[in-house]
Amino acid sequence: MSENYTEGSKTCEYRKRYSMLRDEQSSWRSHWNDITQYLLPRRGRYLQGERNDNFSIGGQQKHEKIINGSAVQALKTLAGGLQGGLTSPTRPWFQLTVADDDLAEFQPVREWLHMVRSAMLQIFSRSNFYGAIHYIYWELGAYGTAAMFIEEDMEYVIRCRPMTIGEYVMALDARYRPCSLMRQFSMTAGQMLEKFGKDKLPEAVKSALNNATPDLRFEVQHVIEENKERDDSRGDYKGKMFKSVYYPYSGDNEDQILKESGYNSIPFIAPRWEVTGVDTYGNSPAMDALGDVKMLQKMEEKKLMALDKQVNPPMNAPVALKNQGATSVSGGVNWIDVAQGQQSFTPAYLVNPNLQQMAVEIDRVERRIRGFFFNDLFLSVLQADKNMTAFEVAKRHEEKLMMLGPIIERQQSESMDLIIDRVFNVMTNLNLLPPIPKELSSGMPIKVEYISLLAQAQKMVATAPIEQLVAFVGNVAAANPDVLDKVDFDEAVDQYSNALGVAPKVIRSDDVVVGIRDQKKKMQQAQMIAANAQPVTQAIKNTAETPVRGGNTTALDALLGAAGTNPT
């Protein structure tokens, strides 16, 4: 954009900041442009200039650099795997609870948390969320940074607007989290009329509407940042935590604001794949694979050239045939005067490419590219609903899950946490939450636990050492039972359940376990006493029932008879 702005105008500070952040982003744009050409030709905006928005040439062929599409397919698999593994539309991927374990088990609280989660999942399904988040995963795997705007919608509760790389710039807060976002995009005159109202429009837009050209496009800039001048006493946008300002990209009136509003929670997400130091933007699998991707296209090009020269080589021919209508077309006939000797076409040189070796080398590069995009893991994730559990995924891909662990945690903190918080805030604003139990009215924070397939598989990796130890001790105990005293099995169960994220109420506390075991000991002691007393009782019974003096009188009869005799 133009850096000619008027000091003191309403948009001056926004334009200056955008220009500065755009300059800071310049070192990334050439890299992003290479990725766009070799992997995502339809993505990316303003990578070569502020007016290069691709709308005027949107239908043109842009795949000139892509001969072999293996890298595109690998990126597609990555995006699909992230969708199925982190935010699957077919299964719950999070649950809500509270920090107080006892309160979390209280029936009204449990029911309320379940109703809220069900309502949120329904909102995600009815809105465009899952399509938008899939777009974000494409951008994340390709460029290492993605961004999506989440706005209130009166029909579907939320409306997601994913952005492509180069369309936005952003800044970080003191904890190096994305906190401000400025974007530039195109809108038609009709769209601007619908969103901002006629009175707010620039004269050029009004002229387009008056001339019956509502589809003419204009550039707009949008600023979302923390409202550092927030007035808590205000009920309008000036009392919100974040402010939003739309203004024209260019125009004579720099005091013209198209729309001002505010949000109680951050209205966008800007997740990054992997971050180096204090960088604003992230690194990506596509950046790591870009060298191999370029080499793959070069290898395919050379292979096709070799095949072309083998099938249709350059030819030598006598001058006498130059004007005789000679042909090299398959099936054509050249009439030759044999009296003048051999007057025929011959190849200038013979090309015999080793196609098998070429195929082997190309396959090696393709496999490396698929490895950069974690395709083995994500293909398993995509098939898991039918064939594999989270435990099986973890066992087969433990090493890859460990490598992917920091990426999963970053997506949870920079993406999913903010999405759930934003949707919860929108539901609060629109009075869509069920009545809150009085036990939660004190404002106790709600915790989010992720139960997606990848989140569960990641936790399963941490349980492997425990399983190995218990199995080893079990084998040794067959020869030496005393070794069982070496392991605290109660603690092993606690550690295992924590790694799996099992609800605390499923595992009994140590105090409860001690009480149960004491009760068992008392029952066992009572059973032992009863068992030891049984032989004595039986002996007494047998003695009492034994006949004495060879008659029919038993010892018990004699005893009773003696007891009944009245002495004189």
Foldseek 3Di string as FASTA:
>chain_A
DDLDDDPPAPCNVVSVVQVVLLVVCLVQLVVLVLLCQLANVQFDAQSPHNPRGCPVVNPPDRNPLYDDHLLNVLLLLLLLLCCQFQPDLVDDWKFWAFPDQVVRPPVVNVVQRVVVSVVVSVLCVQECNSVQSSVQSSQCQRRQKWKKFWDQDPPSRIYIDTHGPPQKGFDADPVLFTAKMKGKDKDFLLRLCVPQNDVLDDPVSVVCVVVVNRRDIFMKMKIKHAQPQADCVDPFQSNAGIKMWMDGPDDDRSNRTRDIGHHNARRMFMFGQADDDSDNGHDHLNSVLVVLSSVLSVLVVVVVVLVCCQVPNAKDFDPVCVPVPDDPDPPDDDDDDCVVPDGDIDGPDHRDDPVVVSVVVSVVSSVVSSVSSVSVLSVCSVCCVPPNALLRSLVVPVVVLVVCVVSSVRCVVRPVVRVVVRSVRSCVVVVNRDDDDPVCPVPRDMDMDTDGSSLQSSLSSVLVVLVVVVVVLVVVCVVPVVSVVVDDVLVSVVVSCVSNVPSPVVRDDPVVVVVVVVVVVVVVVVVVVVVVCVVVVVVVVVQQCDDPPPDNHGPVNVVVVVVPDDDD
